[in-house]
C-alpha cells in the first residue's frame, strides 16, 4: 500500500478533472472503476476508484482517490493497493508506488 495526502487550494471540479486526466493518462490499462460525489452547502466530496495493470508487479493495482473541499480549500487522499504477490505479507509493492506517481508528479 502507498499513500499520498495533500492540502491544496483551487477549484474543486477543476482539480478533480485534472486528477482524473492524470490517472487515465498514466497508462493504457488505466481504467475508471467507479465513483461517488456528495455535496452539502459549500462542502464537496468525491471518491474515485481506478485500476491499472502493473507490468513490474505482474498484477493489477487499484487506487482510491478522495477529494474533499470547502470553497478553494481542498484535501486530497490517494491510496493504492493490490500490488503484492505474497500470501501472508506484502512484497513487491513497486506497482502501487508507480501508480501513485501520476498524482505525486501532478502540479496541484
PDB file of N, CA and C in Angstrom:
ATOM      1  N   UNK A   1       0.848  -1.167   0.000  1.00  0.00           N
ATOM      2  CA  UNK A   1       0.000   0.000   0.000  1.00  0.00           C
ATOM      3  C   UNK A   1       0.894   1.230   0.000  1.00  0.00           C
ATOM      4  N   UNK A   2       0.496   2.215  -0.773  1.00  0.00           N
ATOM      5  CA  UNK A   2       1.172   3.505  -0.795  1.00  0.00           C
ATOM      6  C   UNK A   2       0.110   4.578  -0.621  1.00  0.00           C
ATOM      7  N   UNK A   3       0.492   5.678   0.023  1.00  0.00           N
ATOM      8  CA  UNK A   3      -0.498   6.726   0.312  1.00  0.00           C
ATOM      9  C   UNK A   3       0.100   8.100   0.052  1.00  0.00           C
ATOM     10  N   UNK A   4      -0.733   8.983  -0.471  1.00  0.00           N
ATOM     11  CA  UNK A   4      -0.379  10.379  -0.697  1.00  0.00           C
ATOM     12  C   UNK A   4      -1.486  11.238  -0.106  1.00  0.00           C
ATOM     13  N   UNK A   5      -1.114  12.226   0.702  1.00  0.00           N
ATOM     14  CA  UNK A   5      -2.092  13.174   1.239  1.00  0.00           C
ATOM     15  C   UNK A   5      -1.543  14.579   1.047  1.00  0.00           C
ATOM     16  N   UNK A   6      -2.429  15.488   0.635  1.00  0.00           N
ATOM     17  CA  UNK A   6      -2.029  16.877   0.395  1.00  0.00           C
ATOM     18  C   UNK A   6      -3.165  17.833   0.705  1.00  0.00           C
ATOM     19  N   UNK A   7      -2.825  18.946   1.318  1.00  0.00           N
ATOM     20  CA  UNK A   7      -3.749  20.073   1.410  1.00  0.00           C
ATOM     21  C   UNK A   7      -3.398  20.980   0.244  1.00  0.00           C
ATOM     22  N   UNK A   8      -4.385  21.311  -0.549  1.00  0.00           N
ATOM     23  CA  UNK A   8      -4.167  22.137  -1.729  1.00  0.00           C
ATOM     24  C   UNK A   8      -5.266  23.180  -1.818  1.00  0.00           C
ATOM     25  N   UNK A   9      -5.133  24.079  -2.766  1.00  0.00           N
ATOM     26  CA  UNK A   9      -6.191  25.061  -2.982  1.00  0.00           C
ATOM     27  C   UNK A   9      -6.491  25.128  -4.469  1.00  0.00           C
ATOM     28  N   UNK A  10      -7.729  25.500  -4.765  1.00  0.00           N
ATOM     29  CA  UNK A  10      -8.142  25.612  -6.154  1.00  0.00           C
ATOM     30  C   UNK A  10      -9.616  25.303  -6.298  1.00  0.00           C
ATOM     31  N   UNK A  11     -10.054  25.287  -7.526  1.00  0.00           N
ATOM     32  CA  UNK A  11     -11.441  24.960  -7.849  1.00  0.00           C
ATOM     33  C   UNK A  11     -11.636  23.453  -7.710  1.00  0.00           C
ATOM     34  N   UNK A  12     -12.600  23.031  -6.900  1.00  0.00           N
ATOM     35  CA  UNK A  12     -12.834  21.618  -6.622  1.00  0.00           C
ATOM     36  C   UNK A  12     -12.963  20.808  -7.912  1.00  0.00           C
ATOM     37  N   UNK A  13     -13.839  21.223  -8.812  1.00  0.00           N
ATOM     38  CA  UNK A  13     -14.090  20.430 -10.012  1.00  0.00           C
ATOM     39  C   UNK A  13     -12.949  20.514 -11.008  1.00  0.00           C
ATOM     40  N   UNK A  14     -12.212  21.626 -11.031  1.00  0.00           N
ATOM     41  CA  UNK A  14     -11.030  21.717 -11.886  1.00  0.00           C
ATOM     42  C   UNK A  14      -9.966  20.731 -11.404  1.00  0.00           C
ATOM     43  N   UNK A  15      -9.709  20.712 -10.103  1.00  0.00           N
ATOM     44  CA  UNK A  15      -8.720  19.786  -9.545  1.00  0.00           C
ATOM     45  C   UNK A  15      -9.167  18.347  -9.762  1.00  0.00           C
ATOM     46  N   UNK A  16     -10.430  18.046  -9.540  1.00  0.00           N
ATOM     47  CA  UNK A  16     -10.946  16.690  -9.737  1.00  0.00           C
ATOM     48  C   UNK A  16     -10.752  16.246 -11.187  1.00  0.00           C
ATOM     49  N   UNK A  17     -11.027  17.113 -12.139  1.00  0.00           N
ATOM     50  CA  UNK A  17     -10.832  16.775 -13.550  1.00  0.00           C
ATOM     51  C   UNK A  17      -9.360  16.564 -13.883  1.00  0.00           C
ATOM     52  N   UNK A  18      -8.473  17.368 -13.292  1.00  0.00           N
ATOM     53  CA  UNK A  18      -7.034  17.206 -13.530  1.00  0.00           C
ATOM     54  C   UNK A  18      -6.529  15.885 -12.947  1.00  0.00           C
ATOM     55  N   UNK A  19      -7.049  15.505 -11.784  1.00  0.00           N
ATOM     56  CA  UNK A  19      -6.692  14.220 -11.183  1.00  0.00           C
ATOM     57  C   UNK A  19      -7.139  13.080 -12.089  1.00  0.00           C
ATOM     58  N   UNK A  20      -8.390  13.132 -12.531  1.00  0.00           N
ATOM     59  CA  UNK A  20      -8.927  12.088 -13.406  1.00  0.00           C
ATOM     60  C   UNK A  20      -8.099  11.968 -14.678  1.00  0.00           C
ATOM     61  N   UNK A  21      -7.766  13.087 -15.280  1.00  0.00           N
ATOM     62  CA  UNK A  21      -6.984  13.074 -16.520  1.00  0.00           C
ATOM     63  C   UNK A  21      -5.600  12.480 -16.292  1.00  0.00           C
ATOM     64  N   UNK A  22      -4.944  12.862 -15.188  1.00  0.00           N
ATOM     65  CA  UNK A  22      -3.600  12.351 -14.882  1.00  0.00           C
ATOM     66  C   UNK A  22      -3.615  10.840 -14.676  1.00  0.00           C
ATOM     67  N   UNK A  23      -4.615  10.342 -13.967  1.00  0.00           N
ATOM     68  CA  UNK A  23      -4.701   8.900 -13.729  1.00  0.00           C
ATOM     69  C   UNK A  23      -4.972   8.160 -15.033  1.00  0.00           C
ATOM     70  N   UNK A  24      -5.921   8.642 -15.812  1.00  0.00           N
ATOM     71  CA  UNK A  24      -6.267   7.958 -17.054  1.00  0.00           C
ATOM     72  C   UNK A  24      -5.131   8.014 -18.076  1.00  0.00           C
ATOM     73  N   UNK A  25      -4.288   9.047 -17.993  1.00  0.00           N
ATOM     74  CA  UNK A  25      -3.137   9.164 -18.885  1.00  0.00           C
ATOM     75  C   UNK A  25      -1.926   8.390 -18.375  1.00  0.00           C
ATOM     76  N   UNK A  26      -2.039   7.748 -17.208  1.00  0.00           N
ATOM     77  CA  UNK A  26      -0.880   7.091 -16.599  1.00  0.00           C
ATOM     78  C   UNK A  26      -0.515   5.765 -17.258  1.00  0.00           C
ATOM     79  N   UNK A  27      -1.341   5.250 -18.110  1.00  0.00           N
ATOM     80  CA  UNK A  27      -1.042   4.004 -18.814  1.00  0.00           C
ATOM     81  C   UNK A  27      -2.239   3.535 -19.599  1.00  0.00           C
ATOM     82  N   UNK A  28      -1.985   2.745 -20.623  1.00  0.00           N
ATOM     83  CA  UNK A  28      -3.081   2.303 -21.497  1.00  0.00           C
ATOM     84  C   UNK A  28      -4.066   1.391 -20.775  1.00  0.00           C
ATOM     85  N   UNK A  29      -3.617   0.747 -19.693  1.00  0.00           N
ATOM     86  CA  UNK A  29      -4.515  -0.157 -18.980  1.00  0.00           C
ATOM     87  C   UNK A  29      -5.288   0.527 -17.853  1.00  0.00           C
ATOM     88  N   UNK A  30      -5.052   1.833 -17.650  1.00  0.00           N
ATOM     89  CA  UNK A  30      -5.746   2.554 -16.573  1.00  0.00           C
ATOM     90  C   UNK A  30      -7.244   2.619 -16.881  1.00  0.00           C
ATOM     91  N   UNK A  31      -8.047   2.355 -15.842  1.00  0.00           N
ATOM     92  CA  UNK A  31      -9.493   2.403 -16.029  1.00  0.00           C
ATOM     93  C   UNK A  31     -10.156   3.027 -14.802  1.00  0.00           C
ATOM     94  N   UNK A  32     -11.273   3.688 -15.068  1.00  0.00           N
ATOM     95  CA  UNK A  32     -12.115   4.227 -14.011  1.00  0.00           C
ATOM     96  C   UNK A  32     -13.077   3.119 -13.622  1.00  0.00           C
ATOM     97  N   UNK A  33     -13.062   2.715 -12.354  1.00  0.00           N
ATOM     98  CA  UNK A  33     -13.913   1.617 -11.911  1.00  0.00           C
ATOM     99  C   UNK A  33     -15.261   2.121 -11.391  1.00  0.00           C
ATOM    100  N   UNK A  34     -15.241   3.131 -10.523  1.00  0.00           N
ATOM    101  CA  UNK A  34     -16.488   3.682 -10.000  1.00  0.00           C
ATOM    102  C   UNK A  34     -16.170   4.951  -9.218  1.00  0.00           C
ATOM    103  N   UNK A  35     -17.211   5.680  -8.870  1.00  0.00           N
ATOM    104  CA  UNK A  35     -17.025   6.908  -8.118  1.00  0.00           C
ATOM    105  C   UNK A  35     -18.304   7.327  -7.420  1.00  0.00           C
ATOM    106  N   UNK A  36     -18.153   8.291  -6.530  1.00  0.00           N
ATOM    107  CA  UNK A  36     -19.294   8.811  -5.796  1.00  0.00           C
ATOM    108  C   UNK A  36     -19.036  10.278  -5.500  1.00  0.00           C
ATOM    109  N   UNK A  37     -20.073  11.084  -5.614  1.00  0.00           N
ATOM    110  CA  UNK A  37     -19.994  12.515  -5.317  1.00  0.00           C
ATOM    111  C   UNK A  37     -21.036  12.880  -4.278  1.00  0.00           C
ATOM    112  N   UNK A  38     -20.659  13.795  -3.386  1.00  0.00           N
ATOM    113  CA  UNK A  38     -21.580  14.262  -2.352  1.00  0.00           C
ATOM    114  C   UNK A  38     -21.290  15.735  -2.099  1.00  0.00           C
ATOM    115  N   UNK A  39     -22.335  16.516  -1.853  1.00  0.00           N
ATOM    116  CA  UNK A  39     -22.200  17.939  -1.514  1.00  0.00           C
ATOM    117  C   UNK A  39     -23.210  18.302  -0.453  1.00  0.00           C
ATOM    118  N   UNK A  40     -22.821  19.257   0.378  1.00  0.00           N
ATOM    119  CA  UNK A  40     -23.728  19.852   1.354  1.00  0.00           C
ATOM    120  C   UNK A  40     -23.287  21.294   1.535  1.00  0.00           C
ATOM    121  N   UNK A  41     -24.063  22.199   0.978  1.00  0.00           N
ATOM    122  CA  UNK A  41     -23.671  23.602   1.019  1.00  0.00           C
ATOM    123  C   UNK A  41     -22.377  23.811   0.252  1.00  0.00           C
ATOM    124  N   UNK A  42     -21.367  24.370   0.913  1.00  0.00           N
ATOM    125  CA  UNK A  42     -20.086  24.656   0.271  1.00  0.00           C
ATOM    126  C   UNK A  42     -19.110  23.488   0.352  1.00  0.00           C
ATOM    127  N   UNK A  43     -19.504  22.395   0.986  1.00  0.00           N
ATOM    128  CA  UNK A  43     -18.615  21.241   1.150  1.00  0.00           C
ATOM    129  C   UNK A  43     -18.897  20.221   0.049  1.00  0.00           C
ATOM    130  N   UNK A  44     -17.819  19.784  -0.619  1.00  0.00           N
ATOM    131  CA  UNK A  44     -17.916  18.781  -1.685  1.00  0.00           C
ATOM    132  C   UNK A  44     -16.989  17.623  -1.358  1.00  0.00           C
ATOM    133  N   UNK A  45     -17.403  16.423  -1.731  1.00  0.00           N
ATOM    134  CA  UNK A  45     -16.578  15.233  -1.552  1.00  0.00           C
ATOM    135  C   UNK A  45     -16.732  14.341  -2.781  1.00  0.00           C
ATOM    136  N   UNK A  46     -15.614  13.914  -3.330  1.00  0.00           N
ATOM    137  CA  UNK A  46     -15.623  12.995  -4.465  1.00  0.00           C
ATOM    138  C   UNK A  46     -14.712  11.823  -4.143  1.00  0.00           C
ATOM    139  N   UNK A  47     -15.202  10.621  -4.393  1.00  0.00           N
ATOM    140  CA  UNK A  47     -14.415   9.399  -4.221  1.00  0.00           C
ATOM    141  C   UNK A  47     -14.320   8.735  -5.586  1.00  0.00           C
ATOM    142  N   UNK A  48     -13.112   8.352  -5.978  1.00  0.00           N
ATOM    143  CA  UNK A  48     -12.886   7.687  -7.256  1.00  0.00           C
ATOM    144  C   UNK A  48     -12.052   6.433  -7.022  1.00  0.00           C
ATOM    145  N   UNK A  49     -12.361   5.387  -7.769  1.00  0.00           N
ATOM    146  CA  UNK A  49     -11.569   4.164  -7.727  1.00  0.00           C
ATOM    147  C   UNK A  49     -11.093   3.871  -9.148  1.00  0.00           C
ATOM    148  N   UNK A  50      -9.777   3.732  -9.269  1.00  0.00           N
ATOM    149  CA  UNK A  50      -9.141   3.453 -10.550  1.00  0.00           C
ATOM    150  C   UNK A  50      -8.377   2.133 -10.439  1.00  0.00           C
ATOM    151  N   UNK A  51      -8.061   1.564 -11.592  1.00  0.00           N
ATOM    152  CA  UNK A  51      -7.287   0.339 -11.622  1.00  0.00           C
ATOM    153  C   UNK A  51      -6.401   0.363 -12.853  1.00  0.00           C
ATOM    154  N   UNK A  52      -5.255  -0.310 -12.762  1.00  0.00           N
ATOM    155  CA  UNK A  52      -4.408  -0.481 -13.936  1.00  0.00           C
ATOM    156  C   UNK A  52      -3.513  -1.691 -13.749  1.00  0.00           C
ATOM    157  N   UNK A  53      -2.995  -2.182 -14.845  1.00  0.00           N
ATOM    158  CA  UNK A  53      -2.077  -3.308 -14.822  1.00  0.00           C
ATOM    159  C   UNK A  53      -0.688  -2.808 -14.484  1.00  0.00           C
ATOM    160  N   UNK A  54       0.000  -3.505 -13.612  1.00  0.00           N
ATOM    161  CA  UNK A  54       1.371  -3.171 -13.242  1.00  0.00           C
ATOM    162  C   UNK A  54       2.313  -4.187 -13.878  1.00  0.00           C
ATOM    163  N   UNK A  55       3.055  -3.761 -14.882  1.00  0.00           N
ATOM    164  CA  UNK A  55       3.993  -4.671 -15.540  1.00  0.00           C
ATOM    165  C   UNK A  55       5.107  -5.089 -14.591  1.00  0.00           C
ATOM    166  N   UNK A  56       5.531  -4.176 -13.711  1.00  0.00           N
ATOM    167  CA  UNK A  56       6.605  -4.519 -12.777  1.00  0.00           C
ATOM    168  C   UNK A  56       6.159  -5.560 -11.765  1.00  0.00           C
ATOM    169  N   UNK A  57       4.907  -5.532 -11.373  1.00  0.00           N
ATOM    170  CA  UNK A  57       4.403  -6.497 -10.407  1.00  0.00           C
ATOM    171  C   UNK A  57       3.708  -7.683 -11.033  1.00  0.00           C
ATOM    172  N   UNK A  58       3.361  -7.563 -12.315  1.00  0.00           N
ATOM    173  CA  UNK A  58       2.660  -8.640 -13.000  1.00  0.00           C
ATOM    174  C   UNK A  58       1.240  -8.849 -12.486  1.00  0.00           C
ATOM    175  N   UNK A  59       0.600  -7.771 -12.036  1.00  0.00           N
ATOM    176  CA  UNK A  59      -0.753  -7.884 -11.491  1.00  0.00           C
ATOM    177  C   UNK A  59      -1.479  -6.552 -11.649  1.00  0.00           C
ATOM    178  N   UNK A  60      -2.716  -6.489 -11.197  1.00  0.00           N
ATOM    179  CA  UNK A  60      -3.484  -5.254 -11.254  1.00  0.00           C
ATOM    180  C   UNK A  60      -3.390  -4.532  -9.926  1.00  0.00           C
ATOM    181  N   UNK A  61      -3.395  -3.211  -9.991  1.00  0.00           N
ATOM    182  CA  UNK A  61      -3.287  -2.351  -8.817  1.00  0.00           C
ATOM    183  C   UNK A  61      -4.475  -1.399  -8.826  1.00  0.00           C
ATOM    184  N   UNK A  62      -5.065  -1.153  -7.671  1.00  0.00           N
ATOM    185  CA  UNK A  62      -6.168  -0.200  -7.592  1.00  0.00           C
ATOM    186  C   UNK A  62      -5.721   1.040  -6.827  1.00  0.00           C
ATOM    187  N   UNK A  63      -6.403   2.152  -7.103  1.00  0.00           N
ATOM    188  CA  UNK A  63      -6.136   3.399  -6.398  1.00  0.00           C
ATOM    189  C   UNK A  63      -7.465   4.054  -6.047  1.00  0.00           C
ATOM    190  N   UNK A  64      -7.619   4.359  -4.766  1.00  0.00           N
ATOM    191  CA  UNK A  64      -8.784   5.074  -4.276  1.00  0.00           C
ATOM    192  C   UNK A  64      -8.366   6.525  -4.081  1.00  0.00           C
ATOM    193  N   UNK A  65      -9.095   7.451  -4.680  1.00  0.00           N
ATOM    194  CA  UNK A  65      -8.810   8.880  -4.564  1.00  0.00           C
ATOM    195  C   UNK A  65     -10.012   9.559  -3.920  1.00  0.00           C
ATOM    196  N   UNK A  66      -9.765  10.303  -2.847  1.00  0.00           N
ATOM    197  CA  UNK A  66     -10.827  11.077  -2.191  1.00  0.00           C
ATOM    198  C   UNK A  66     -10.405  12.533  -2.187  1.00  0.00           C
ATOM    199  N   UNK A  67     -11.276  13.392  -2.698  1.00  0.00           N
ATOM    200  CA  UNK A  67     -11.044  14.830  -2.691  1.00  0.00           C
ATOM    201  C   UNK A  67     -12.190  15.478  -1.926  1.00  0.00           C
ATOM    202  N   UNK A  68     -11.839  16.249  -0.907  1.00  0.00           N
ATOM    203  CA  UNK A  68     -12.822  16.962  -0.090  1.00  0.00           C
ATOM    204  C   UNK A  68     -12.494  18.437  -0.173  1.00  0.00           C
ATOM    205  N   UNK A  69     -13.517  19.272  -0.304  1.00  0.00           N
ATOM    206  CA  UNK A  69     -13.263  20.692  -0.397  1.00  0.00           C
ATOM    207  C   UNK A  69     -14.365  21.547   0.180  1.00  0.00           C
ATOM    208  N   UNK A  70     -13.951  22.681   0.694  1.00  0.00           N
ATOM    209  CA  UNK A  70     -14.871  23.733   1.125  1.00  0.00           C
ATOM    210  C   UNK A  70     -14.329  25.018   0.525  1.00  0.00           C
ATOM    211  N   UNK A  71     -15.072  25.580  -0.423  1.00  0.00           N
ATOM    212  CA  UNK A  71     -14.549  26.725  -1.156  1.00  0.00           C
ATOM    213  C   UNK A  71     -13.319  26.299  -1.936  1.00  0.00           C
ATOM    214  N   UNK A  72     -12.217  27.056  -1.806  1.00  0.00           N
ATOM    215  CA  UNK A  72     -10.994  26.685  -2.517  1.00  0.00           C
ATOM    216  C   UNK A  72     -10.011  25.904  -1.637  1.00  0.00           C
ATOM    217  N   UNK A  73     -10.420  25.559  -0.418  1.00  0.00           N
ATOM    218  CA  UNK A  73      -9.589  24.734   0.477  1.00  0.00           C
ATOM    219  C   UNK A  73      -9.911  23.267   0.210  1.00  0.00           C
ATOM    220  N   UNK A  74      -8.907  22.524  -0.253  1.00  0.00           N
ATOM    221  CA  UNK A  74      -9.110  21.137  -0.647  1.00  0.00           C
ATOM    222  C   UNK A  74      -8.160  20.210   0.097  1.00  0.00           C
ATOM    223  N   UNK A  75      -8.590  18.976   0.282  1.00  0.00           N
ATOM    224  CA  UNK A  75      -7.750  17.939   0.861  1.00  0.00           C
ATOM    225  C   UNK A  75      -7.856  16.695  -0.015  1.00  0.00           C
ATOM    226  N   UNK A  76      -6.710  16.182  -0.422  1.00  0.00           N
ATOM    227  CA  UNK A  76      -6.627  15.026  -1.308  1.00  0.00           C
ATOM    228  C   UNK A  76      -5.985  13.853  -0.572  1.00  0.00           C
ATOM    229  N   UNK A  77      -6.611  12.691  -0.665  1.00  0.00           N
ATOM    230  CA  UNK A  77      -6.029  11.439  -0.181  1.00  0.00           C
ATOM    231  C   UNK A  77      -6.100  10.430  -1.313  1.00  0.00           C
ATOM    232  N   UNK A  78      -4.961   9.810  -1.613  1.00  0.00           N
ATOM    233  CA  UNK A  78      -4.915   8.752  -2.622  1.00  0.00           C
ATOM    234  C   UNK A  78      -4.195   7.555  -2.012  1.00  0.00           C
ATOM    235  N   UNK A  79      -4.822   6.381  -2.094  1.00  0.00           N
ATOM    236  CA  UNK A  79      -4.262   5.162  -1.516  1.00  0.00           C
ATOM    237  C   UNK A  79      -4.317   4.063  -2.572  1.00  0.00           C
ATOM    238  N   UNK A  80      -3.177   3.423  -2.805  1.00  0.00           N
ATOM    239  CA  UNK A  80      -3.121   2.313  -3.748  1.00  0.00           C
ATOM    240  C   UNK A  80      -3.076   0.991  -2.987  1.00  0.00           C
ATOM    241  N   UNK A  81      -3.526  -0.069  -3.648  1.00  0.00           N
ATOM    242  CA  UNK A  81      -3.465  -1.399  -3.035  1.00  0.00           C
ATOM    243  C   UNK A  81      -3.527  -2.462  -4.120  1.00  0.00           C
ATOM    244  N   UNK A  82      -3.154  -3.666  -3.727  1.00  0.00           N
ATOM    245  CA  UNK A  82      -3.304  -4.802  -4.623  1.00  0.00           C
ATOM    246  C   UNK A  82      -2.065  -5.186  -5.390  1.00  0.00           C
ATOM    247  N   UNK A  83      -0.948  -4.548  -5.134  1.00  0.00           N
ATOM    248  CA  UNK A  83       0.241  -4.827  -5.930  1.00  0.00           C
ATOM    249  C   UNK A  83       1.131  -5.921  -5.410  1.00  0.00           C
ATOM    250  N   UNK A  84       0.807  -6.519  -4.291  1.00  0.00           N
ATOM    251  CA  UNK A  84       1.684  -7.531  -3.702  1.00  0.00           C
ATOM    252  C   UNK A  84       1.390  -8.910  -4.262  1.00  0.00           C
ATOM    253  N   UNK A  85       2.415  -9.751  -4.283  1.00  0.00           N
ATOM    254  CA  UNK A  85       2.244 -11.110  -4.772  1.00  0.00           C
ATOM    255  C   UNK A  85       2.379 -12.153  -3.664  1.00  0.00           C
ATOM    256  N   UNK A  86       2.662 -11.733  -2.447  1.00  0.00           N
ATOM    257  CA  UNK A  86       2.885 -12.690  -1.361  1.00  0.00           C
ATOM    258  C   UNK A  86       1.563 -13.130  -0.744  1.00  0.00           C
ATOM    259  N   UNK A  87       1.592 -14.280  -0.095  1.00  0.00           N
ATOM    260  CA  UNK A  87       0.391 -14.825   0.528  1.00  0.00           C
ATOM    261  C   UNK A  87       0.142 -14.251   1.922  1.00  0.00           C
ATOM    262  N   UNK A  88       1.176 -14.138   2.745  1.00  0.00           N
ATOM    263  CA  UNK A  88       0.995 -13.734   4.140  1.00  0.00           C
ATOM    264  C   UNK A  88       1.537 -12.350   4.482  1.00  0.00           C
ATOM    265  N   UNK A  89       2.394 -11.779   3.659  1.00  0.00           N
ATOM    266  CA  UNK A  89       2.924 -10.445   3.912  1.00  0.00           C
ATOM    267  C   UNK A  89       3.204  -9.773   2.577  1.00  0.00           C
ATOM    268  N   UNK A  90       3.356  -8.467   2.606  1.00  0.00           N
ATOM    269  CA  UNK A  90       3.488  -7.709   1.361  1.00  0.00           C
ATOM    270  C   UNK A  90       4.934  -7.678   0.890  1.00  0.00           C
ATOM    271  N   UNK A  91       5.127  -8.095  -0.347  1.00  0.00           N
ATOM    272  CA  UNK A  91       6.393  -7.898  -1.041  1.00  0.00           C
ATOM    273  C   UNK A  91       6.049  -7.333  -2.406  1.00  0.00           C
ATOM    274  N   UNK A  92       7.013  -6.739  -3.053  1.00  0.00           N
ATOM    275  CA  UNK A  92       6.834  -6.244  -4.418  1.00  0.00           C
ATOM    276  C   UNK A  92       5.680  -5.244  -4.503  1.00  0.00           C
ATOM    277  N   UNK A  93       5.848  -4.101  -3.869  1.00  0.00           N
ATOM    278  CA  UNK A  93       4.821  -3.054  -3.930  1.00  0.00           C
ATOM    279  C   UNK A  93       5.205  -1.951  -4.916  1.00  0.00           C
ATOM    280  N   UNK A  94       6.121  -2.251  -5.841  1.00  0.00           N
ATOM    281  CA  UNK A  94       6.557  -1.248  -6.811  1.00  0.00           C
ATOM    282  C   UNK A  94       5.400  -0.735  -7.653  1.00  0.00           C
ATOM    283  N   UNK A  95       4.501  -1.613  -8.026  1.00  0.00           N
ATOM    284  CA  UNK A  95       3.368  -1.204  -8.860  1.00  0.00           C
ATOM    285  C   UNK A  95       2.474  -0.201  -8.160  1.00  0.00           C
ATOM    286  N   UNK A  96       2.299  -0.357  -6.852  1.00  0.00           N
ATOM    287  CA  UNK A  96       1.482   0.573  -6.083  1.00  0.00           C
ATOM    288  C   UNK A  96       2.131   1.954  -6.056  1.00  0.00           C
ATOM    289  N   UNK A  97       3.428   1.995  -5.790  1.00  0.00           N
ATOM    290  CA  UNK A  97       4.147   3.274  -5.773  1.00  0.00           C
ATOM    291  C   UNK A  97       4.148   3.931  -7.149  1.00  0.00           C
ATOM    292  N   UNK A  98       4.343   3.124  -8.181  1.00  0.00           N
ATOM    293  CA  UNK A  98       4.377   3.659  -9.545  1.00  0.00           C
ATOM    294  C   UNK A  98       3.025   4.249  -9.943  1.00  0.00           C
ATOM    295  N   UNK A  99       1.940   3.620  -9.543  1.00  0.00           N
ATOM    296  CA  UNK A  99       0.605   4.133  -9.867  1.00  0.00           C
ATOM    297  C   UNK A  99       0.392   5.484  -9.185  1.00  0.00           C
ATOM    298  N   UNK A 100       0.842   5.595  -7.959  1.00  0.00           N
ATOM    299  CA  UNK A 100       0.673   6.836  -7.206  1.00  0.00           C
ATOM    300  C   UNK A 100       1.522   7.975  -7.773  1.00  0.00           C
ATOM    301  N   UNK A 101       2.586   7.643  -8.497  1.00  0.00           N
ATOM    302  CA  UNK A 101       3.455   8.673  -9.073  1.00  0.00           C
ATOM    303  C   UNK A 101       2.711   9.619 -10.001  1.00  0.00           C
ATOM    304  N   UNK A 102       1.651   9.153 -10.652  1.00  0.00           N
ATOM    305  CA  UNK A 102       0.916  10.026 -11.574  1.00  0.00           C
ATOM    306  C   UNK A 102       0.290  11.199 -10.820  1.00  0.00           C
ATOM    307  N   UNK A 103      -0.002  11.034  -9.531  1.00  0.00           N
ATOM    308  CA  UNK A 103      -0.542  12.132  -8.724  1.00  0.00           C
ATOM    309  C   UNK A 103       0.572  12.883  -8.007  1.00  0.00           C
ATOM    310  N   UNK A 104       1.636  12.188  -7.615  1.00  0.00           N
ATOM    311  CA  UNK A 104       2.779  12.879  -6.984  1.00  0.00           C
ATOM    312  C   UNK A 104       3.360  13.925  -7.930  1.00  0.00           C
ATOM    313  N   UNK A 105       3.400  13.591  -9.209  1.00  0.00           N
ATOM    314  CA  UNK A 105       4.006  14.468 -10.207  1.00  0.00           C
ATOM    315  C   UNK A 105       3.066  15.559 -10.703  1.00  0.00           C
ATOM    316  N   UNK A 106       1.799  15.490 -10.344  1.00  0.00           N
ATOM    317  CA  UNK A 106       0.796  16.447 -10.806  1.00  0.00           C
ATOM    318  C   UNK A 106       0.933  17.771 -10.065  1.00  0.00           C
ATOM    319  N   UNK A 107       1.008  18.854 -10.805  1.00  0.00           N
ATOM    320  CA  UNK A 107       1.077  20.196 -10.212  1.00  0.00           C
ATOM    321  C   UNK A 107      -0.321  20.589  -9.736  1.00  0.00           C
ATOM    322  N   UNK A 108      -0.514  20.595  -8.434  1.00  0.00           N
ATOM    323  CA  UNK A 108      -1.816  20.967  -7.882  1.00  0.00           C
ATOM    324  C   UNK A 108      -1.695  22.225  -7.040  1.00  0.00           C
TER     325      UNK A 108
END
